[in-house]
Amino acid sequence: MLCTAFPPEFLSQELSFSSGMTCWRRLRDWQQAGVWDRLHQLLLAELYVGDQLDWSKAVIDSSHVRVLKGGPKPVRAQPTAPKRA
């Protein structure tokens, strides 16, 4: 739902949850409180302790990696056109 733009209104209709707006507000509040980050860290820690992490199949997606301001500036590309004499 978070990544696919699934309309929250469908939750109440299809799954008998609270109103869609209530679900949306709770998800927003949990995100702001860091619940999902902590849950992710706890899950990774449990898997690590149980030797159940297989990093050979790990993938990183730029949509999940924070870009810090002040990072390296891209170098300007050199022109490929011939110079005038």
Protein backbone atom coordinates (compact mmCIF):
# COMPACT_ATOMS: atom_id res chain seq x y z
CA MET A 1 0.00 0.00 0.00
CA LEU A 2 2.75 2.48 0.86
CA CYS A 3 4.70 1.92 -2.34
CA THR A 4 1.90 1.32 -4.79
CA ALA A 5 -0.33 4.33 -4.05
CA PHE A 6 -3.13 1.99 -2.97
CA PRO A 7 -6.03 4.26 -1.96
CA PRO A 8 -6.61 4.03 1.83
CA GLU A 9 -10.38 4.15 1.26
CA PHE A 10 -10.21 0.57 -0.04
CA LEU A 11 -9.02 -0.70 3.34
CA SER A 12 -12.31 -0.09 5.05
CA GLN A 13 -14.36 -1.42 2.15
CA GLU A 14 -12.37 -4.56 1.42
CA LEU A 15 -10.87 -5.55 4.77
CA SER A 16 -13.30 -4.09 7.33
CA PHE A 17 -10.67 -1.78 8.87
CA SER A 18 -11.28 1.66 10.33
CA SER A 19 -11.89 4.47 7.90
CA GLY A 20 -9.31 4.94 5.17
CA MET A 21 -8.31 8.32 6.59
CA THR A 22 -7.74 6.81 10.05
CA CYS A 23 -5.49 4.13 8.53
CA TRP A 24 -3.61 6.77 6.54
CA ARG A 25 -3.09 8.95 9.64
CA ARG A 26 -1.82 5.98 11.67
CA LEU A 27 0.63 4.96 8.95
CA ARG A 28 1.83 8.58 8.68
CA ASP A 29 2.24 8.88 12.46
CA TRP A 30 4.12 5.57 12.68
CA GLN A 31 6.40 6.66 9.85
CA GLN A 32 7.15 9.98 11.56
CA ALA A 33 7.76 8.20 14.89
CA GLY A 34 10.30 5.88 13.23
CA VAL A 35 8.29 2.71 13.88
CA TRP A 36 9.04 1.18 10.47
CA ASP A 37 12.79 1.91 10.71
CA ARG A 38 12.98 0.36 14.18
CA LEU A 39 10.93 -2.65 13.08
CA HIS A 40 13.24 -3.13 10.10
CA GLN A 41 16.35 -2.92 12.31
CA LEU A 42 14.87 -5.41 14.81
CA LEU A 43 14.00 -7.84 12.03
CA LEU A 44 17.49 -7.61 10.55
CA ALA A 45 19.04 -8.13 13.99
CA GLU A 46 16.92 -11.23 14.62
CA LEU A 47 17.78 -12.67 11.21
CA TYR A 48 21.48 -11.91 11.75
CA VAL A 49 21.53 -13.65 15.14
CA GLY A 50 19.78 -16.65 13.62
CA ASP A 51 22.29 -16.70 10.74
CA GLN A 52 19.41 -16.36 8.29
CA LEU A 53 20.61 -13.38 6.26
CA ASP A 54 21.75 -14.13 2.73
CA TRP A 55 23.54 -11.00 1.55
CA SER A 56 24.31 -12.61 -1.81
CA LYS A 57 20.75 -11.77 -2.81
CA ALA A 58 20.67 -8.24 -1.36
CA VAL A 59 19.65 -5.39 -3.64
CA ILE A 60 19.86 -1.69 -2.93
CA ASP A 61 17.38 0.68 -4.47
CA SER A 62 18.08 4.38 -4.72
CA SER A 63 14.54 5.16 -3.64
CA HIS A 64 15.46 3.80 -0.19
CA VAL A 65 18.88 5.41 0.22
CA ARG A 66 19.06 8.91 1.65
CA VAL A 67 21.20 11.32 -0.34
CA LEU A 68 23.19 13.68 1.83
CA LYS A 69 23.50 17.32 0.85
CA GLY A 70 27.00 18.48 0.08
CA GLY A 71 27.99 15.25 -1.61
CA PRO A 72 30.48 15.15 -4.43
CA LYS A 73 29.64 17.45 -7.29
CA PRO A 74 29.45 15.87 -10.73
CA VAL A 75 32.34 16.74 -13.04
CA ARG A 76 31.34 18.62 -16.16
CA ALA A 77 31.59 16.51 -19.27
CA GLN A 78 34.24 17.55 -21.76
CA PRO A 79 32.84 18.78 -25.08
CA THR A 80 33.14 16.30 -27.91
CA ALA A 81 32.79 18.80 -30.74
CA PRO A 82 36.05 19.87 -32.45
CA LYS A 83 37.45 23.24 -31.35
CA ARG A 84 37.56 26.14 -33.79
CA ALA A 85 40.94 27.06 -35.14
